Amino acid sequence: MLGCLADKDLNYDDLASGLKASLQKDKSAFDADRLQNYTGNSVWTLHFLYAN
């Protein structure tokens, strides 16, 4: 899945940091029922909403 998220301006460490922040702020962000519905765009949104 992460292969579709490749971007020259965003490395995997940055993406991981943003996803970690999203989980810290929303404990249900990675619940099984939500994970089933995530798309590449959903992951980008999580990253950018919570990264800063």
PDB file of N, CA and C in Angstrom:
ATOM      1  N   MET A   1       0.811  -1.183   0.000  1.00  0.00           N
ATOM      2  CA  MET A   1       0.000   0.000   0.000  1.00  0.00           C
ATOM      3  C   MET A   1       0.860   1.254   0.000  1.00  0.00           C
ATOM      4  N   LEU A   2       1.926   1.301   0.749  1.00  0.00           N
ATOM      5  CA  LEU A   2       2.717   2.516   0.841  1.00  0.00           C
ATOM      6  C   LEU A   2       3.389   2.881  -0.469  1.00  0.00           C
ATOM      7  N   GLY A   3       3.562   1.918  -1.363  1.00  0.00           N
ATOM      8  CA  GLY A   3       4.152   2.228  -2.648  1.00  0.00           C
ATOM      9  C   GLY A   3       3.340   3.258  -3.419  1.00  0.00           C
ATOM     10  N   CYS A   4       2.041   3.246  -3.242  1.00  0.00           N
ATOM     11  CA  CYS A   4       1.200   4.211  -3.944  1.00  0.00           C
ATOM     12  C   CYS A   4       1.302   5.601  -3.329  1.00  0.00           C
ATOM     13  N   LEU A   5       1.933   5.701  -2.182  1.00  0.00           N
ATOM     14  CA  LEU A   5       2.045   6.984  -1.496  1.00  0.00           C
ATOM     15  C   LEU A   5       3.369   7.672  -1.747  1.00  0.00           C
ATOM     16  N   ALA A   6       4.220   7.069  -2.553  1.00  0.00           N
ATOM     17  CA  ALA A   6       5.550   7.624  -2.780  1.00  0.00           C
ATOM     18  C   ALA A   6       5.452   9.044  -3.319  1.00  0.00           C
ATOM     19  N   ASP A   7       6.267   9.900  -2.759  1.00  0.00           N
ATOM     20  CA  ASP A   7       6.279  11.296  -3.158  1.00  0.00           C
ATOM     21  C   ASP A   7       7.673  11.814  -2.879  1.00  0.00           C
ATOM     22  N   LYS A   8       8.222  12.567  -3.819  1.00  0.00           N
ATOM     23  CA  LYS A   8       9.595  13.029  -3.650  1.00  0.00           C
ATOM     24  C   LYS A   8       9.754  13.955  -2.457  1.00  0.00           C
ATOM     25  N   ASP A   9       8.656  14.578  -1.994  1.00  0.00           N
ATOM     26  CA  ASP A   9       8.730  15.512  -0.880  1.00  0.00           C
ATOM     27  C   ASP A   9       8.370  14.897   0.465  1.00  0.00           C
ATOM     28  N   LEU A  10       7.989  13.637   0.477  1.00  0.00           N
ATOM     29  CA  LEU A  10       7.584  12.987   1.712  1.00  0.00           C
ATOM     30  C   LEU A  10       8.267  11.633   1.803  1.00  0.00           C
ATOM     31  N   ASN A  11       9.122  11.465   2.802  1.00  0.00           N
ATOM     32  CA  ASN A  11       9.765  10.168   2.951  1.00  0.00           C
ATOM     33  C   ASN A  11       8.994   9.325   3.963  1.00  0.00           C
ATOM     34  N   TYR A  12       9.335   8.077   4.045  1.00  0.00           N
ATOM     35  CA  TYR A  12       8.591   7.163   4.904  1.00  0.00           C
ATOM     36  C   TYR A  12       8.723   7.503   6.382  1.00  0.00           C
ATOM     37  N   ASP A  13       9.851   8.089   6.802  1.00  0.00           N
ATOM     38  CA  ASP A  13       9.996   8.501   8.199  1.00  0.00           C
ATOM     39  C   ASP A  13       9.002   9.608   8.529  1.00  0.00           C
ATOM     40  N   ASP A  14       8.831  10.551   7.610  1.00  0.00           N
ATOM     41  CA  ASP A  14       7.852  11.622   7.824  1.00  0.00           C
ATOM     42  C   ASP A  14       6.437  11.056   7.884  1.00  0.00           C
ATOM     43  N   LEU A  15       6.147  10.151   6.973  1.00  0.00           N
ATOM     44  CA  LEU A  15       4.832   9.523   6.952  1.00  0.00           C
ATOM     45  C   LEU A  15       4.589   8.770   8.251  1.00  0.00           C
ATOM     46  N   ALA A  16       5.561   8.015   8.704  1.00  0.00           N
ATOM     47  CA  ALA A  16       5.423   7.253   9.947  1.00  0.00           C
ATOM     48  C   ALA A  16       5.205   8.183  11.132  1.00  0.00           C
ATOM     49  N   SER A  17       5.909   9.296  11.166  1.00  0.00           N
ATOM     50  CA  SER A  17       5.740  10.255  12.258  1.00  0.00           C
ATOM     51  C   SER A  17       4.327  10.820  12.275  1.00  0.00           C
ATOM     52  N   GLY A  18       3.814  11.138  11.097  1.00  0.00           N
ATOM     53  CA  GLY A  18       2.450  11.658  11.010  1.00  0.00           C
ATOM     54  C   GLY A  18       1.415  10.626  11.425  1.00  0.00           C
ATOM     55  N   LEU A  19       1.611   9.388  11.023  1.00  0.00           N
ATOM     56  CA  LEU A  19       0.673   8.331  11.402  1.00  0.00           C
ATOM     57  C   LEU A  19       0.745   8.036  12.890  1.00  0.00           C
ATOM     58  N   LYS A  20       1.942   8.107  13.473  1.00  0.00           N
ATOM     59  CA  LYS A  20       2.088   7.935  14.917  1.00  0.00           C
ATOM     60  C   LYS A  20       1.342   9.047  15.651  1.00  0.00           C
ATOM     61  N   ALA A  21       1.489  10.268  15.181  1.00  0.00           N
ATOM     62  CA  ALA A  21       0.795  11.398  15.799  1.00  0.00           C
ATOM     63  C   ALA A  21      -0.719  11.223  15.699  1.00  0.00           C
ATOM     64  N   SER A  22      -1.195  10.726  14.553  1.00  0.00           N
ATOM     65  CA  SER A  22      -2.641  10.520  14.403  1.00  0.00           C
ATOM     66  C   SER A  22      -3.138   9.486  15.399  1.00  0.00           C
ATOM     67  N   LEU A  23      -2.377   8.448  15.635  1.00  0.00           N
ATOM     68  CA  LEU A  23      -2.774   7.424  16.595  1.00  0.00           C
ATOM     69  C   LEU A  23      -2.751   7.964  18.019  1.00  0.00           C
ATOM     70  N   GLN A  24      -1.789   8.813  18.323  1.00  0.00           N
ATOM     71  CA  GLN A  24      -1.725   9.398  19.659  1.00  0.00           C
ATOM     72  C   GLN A  24      -2.908  10.328  19.919  1.00  0.00           C
ATOM     73  N   LYS A  25      -3.385  11.002  18.889  1.00  0.00           N
ATOM     74  CA  LYS A  25      -4.495  11.938  19.053  1.00  0.00           C
ATOM     75  C   LYS A  25      -5.861  11.273  18.877  1.00  0.00           C
ATOM     76  N   ASP A  26      -5.903  10.175  18.144  1.00  0.00           N
ATOM     77  CA  ASP A  26      -7.156   9.458  17.894  1.00  0.00           C
ATOM     78  C   ASP A  26      -6.880   7.979  18.089  1.00  0.00           C
ATOM     79  N   LYS A  27      -7.134   7.493  19.301  1.00  0.00           N
ATOM     80  CA  LYS A  27      -6.793   6.110  19.652  1.00  0.00           C
ATOM     81  C   LYS A  27      -7.516   5.079  18.791  1.00  0.00           C
ATOM     82  N   SER A  28      -8.586   5.483  18.136  1.00  0.00           N
ATOM     83  CA  SER A  28      -9.312   4.528  17.296  1.00  0.00           C
ATOM     84  C   SER A  28      -8.910   4.624  15.825  1.00  0.00           C
ATOM     85  N   ALA A  29      -7.889   5.419  15.520  1.00  0.00           N
ATOM     86  CA  ALA A  29      -7.488   5.640  14.127  1.00  0.00           C
ATOM     87  C   ALA A  29      -7.136   4.342  13.402  1.00  0.00           C
ATOM     88  N   PHE A  30      -6.619   3.380  14.126  1.00  0.00           N
ATOM     89  CA  PHE A  30      -6.201   2.134  13.490  1.00  0.00           C
ATOM     90  C   PHE A  30      -7.007   0.932  13.964  1.00  0.00           C
ATOM     91  N   ASP A  31      -8.236   1.176  14.391  1.00  0.00           N
ATOM     92  CA  ASP A  31      -9.124   0.071  14.719  1.00  0.00           C
ATOM     93  C   ASP A  31      -9.384  -0.747  13.455  1.00  0.00           C
ATOM     94  N   ALA A  32      -9.608  -2.027  13.628  1.00  0.00           N
ATOM     95  CA  ALA A  32      -9.752  -2.936  12.488  1.00  0.00           C
ATOM     96  C   ALA A  32     -10.835  -2.487  11.511  1.00  0.00           C
ATOM     97  N   ASP A  33     -11.957  -2.030  12.022  1.00  0.00           N
ATOM     98  CA  ASP A  33     -13.036  -1.638  11.110  1.00  0.00           C
ATOM     99  C   ASP A  33     -12.664  -0.400  10.297  1.00  0.00           C
ATOM    100  N   ARG A  34     -11.887   0.498  10.866  1.00  0.00           N
ATOM    101  CA  ARG A  34     -11.451   1.678  10.124  1.00  0.00           C
ATOM    102  C   ARG A  34     -10.346   1.319   9.133  1.00  0.00           C
ATOM    103  N   LEU A  35      -9.441   0.439   9.521  1.00  0.00           N
ATOM    104  CA  LEU A  35      -8.351   0.044   8.625  1.00  0.00           C
ATOM    105  C   LEU A  35      -8.877  -0.579   7.339  1.00  0.00           C
ATOM    106  N   GLN A  36      -9.950  -1.313   7.438  1.00  0.00           N
ATOM    107  CA  GLN A  36     -10.520  -1.963   6.261  1.00  0.00           C
ATOM    108  C   GLN A  36     -10.968  -0.959   5.207  1.00  0.00           C
ATOM    109  N   ASN A  37     -11.287   0.246   5.641  1.00  0.00           N
ATOM    110  CA  ASN A  37     -11.838   1.243   4.716  1.00  0.00           C
ATOM    111  C   ASN A  37     -10.834   2.290   4.271  1.00  0.00           C
ATOM    112  N   TYR A  38      -9.616   2.261   4.798  1.00  0.00           N
ATOM    113  CA  TYR A  38      -8.627   3.264   4.421  1.00  0.00           C
ATOM    114  C   TYR A  38      -8.170   3.066   2.975  1.00  0.00           C
ATOM    115  N   THR A  39      -7.965   4.175   2.313  1.00  0.00           N
ATOM    116  CA  THR A  39      -7.379   4.185   0.982  1.00  0.00           C
ATOM    117  C   THR A  39      -6.058   4.948   1.085  1.00  0.00           C
ATOM    118  N   GLY A  40      -5.320   5.015   0.016  1.00  0.00           N
ATOM    119  CA  GLY A  40      -4.089   5.801   0.016  1.00  0.00           C
ATOM    120  C   GLY A  40      -4.360   7.246   0.403  1.00  0.00           C
ATOM    121  N   ASN A  41      -5.455   7.797  -0.129  1.00  0.00           N
ATOM    122  CA  ASN A  41      -5.814   9.170   0.211  1.00  0.00           C
ATOM    123  C   ASN A  41      -6.157   9.324   1.687  1.00  0.00           C
ATOM    124  N   SER A  42      -6.787   8.323   2.275  1.00  0.00           N
ATOM    125  CA  SER A  42      -7.114   8.368   3.700  1.00  0.00           C
ATOM    126  C   SER A  42      -5.849   8.423   4.550  1.00  0.00           C
ATOM    127  N   VAL A  43      -4.850   7.663   4.159  1.00  0.00           N
ATOM    128  CA  VAL A  43      -3.582   7.647   4.894  1.00  0.00           C
ATOM    129  C   VAL A  43      -2.898   9.003   4.775  1.00  0.00           C
ATOM    130  N   TRP A  44      -2.908   9.586   3.578  1.00  0.00           N
ATOM    131  CA  TRP A  44      -2.345  10.933   3.397  1.00  0.00           C
ATOM    132  C   TRP A  44      -3.053  11.925   4.309  1.00  0.00           C
ATOM    133  N   THR A  45      -4.373  11.828   4.348  1.00  0.00           N
ATOM    134  CA  THR A  45      -5.161  12.750   5.168  1.00  0.00           C
ATOM    135  C   THR A  45      -4.793  12.608   6.636  1.00  0.00           C
ATOM    136  N   LEU A  46      -4.695  11.388   7.123  1.00  0.00           N
ATOM    137  CA  LEU A  46      -4.284  11.172   8.517  1.00  0.00           C
ATOM    138  C   LEU A  46      -2.931  11.811   8.781  1.00  0.00           C
ATOM    139  N   HIS A  47      -2.016  11.583   7.878  1.00  0.00           N
ATOM    140  CA  HIS A  47      -0.673  12.117   8.057  1.00  0.00           C
ATOM    141  C   HIS A  47      -0.709  13.640   8.145  1.00  0.00           C
ATOM    142  N   PHE A  48      -1.356  14.287   7.192  1.00  0.00           N
ATOM    143  CA  PHE A  48      -1.321  15.753   7.140  1.00  0.00           C
ATOM    144  C   PHE A  48      -2.193  16.404   8.198  1.00  0.00           C
ATOM    145  N   LEU A  49      -3.238  15.746   8.649  1.00  0.00           N
ATOM    146  CA  LEU A  49      -4.072  16.312   9.708  1.00  0.00           C
ATOM    147  C   LEU A  49      -3.320  16.385  11.029  1.00  0.00           C
ATOM    148  N   TYR A  50      -2.528  15.374  11.308  1.00  0.00           N
ATOM    149  CA  TYR A  50      -1.928  15.247  12.629  1.00  0.00           C
ATOM    150  C   TYR A  50      -0.427  15.436  12.670  1.00  0.00           C
ATOM    151  N   ALA A  51       0.213  15.619  11.547  1.00  0.00           N
ATOM    152  CA  ALA A  51       1.671  15.690  11.528  1.00  0.00           C
ATOM    153  C   ALA A  51       2.211  16.922  12.243  1.00  0.00           C
ATOM    154  N   ASN A  52       1.492  17.992  12.253  1.00  0.00           N
ATOM    155  CA  ASN A  52       1.999  19.225  12.857  1.00  0.00           C
ATOM    156  C   ASN A  52       1.252  19.615  14.092  1.00  0.00           C
TER     157      ASN A  52
END
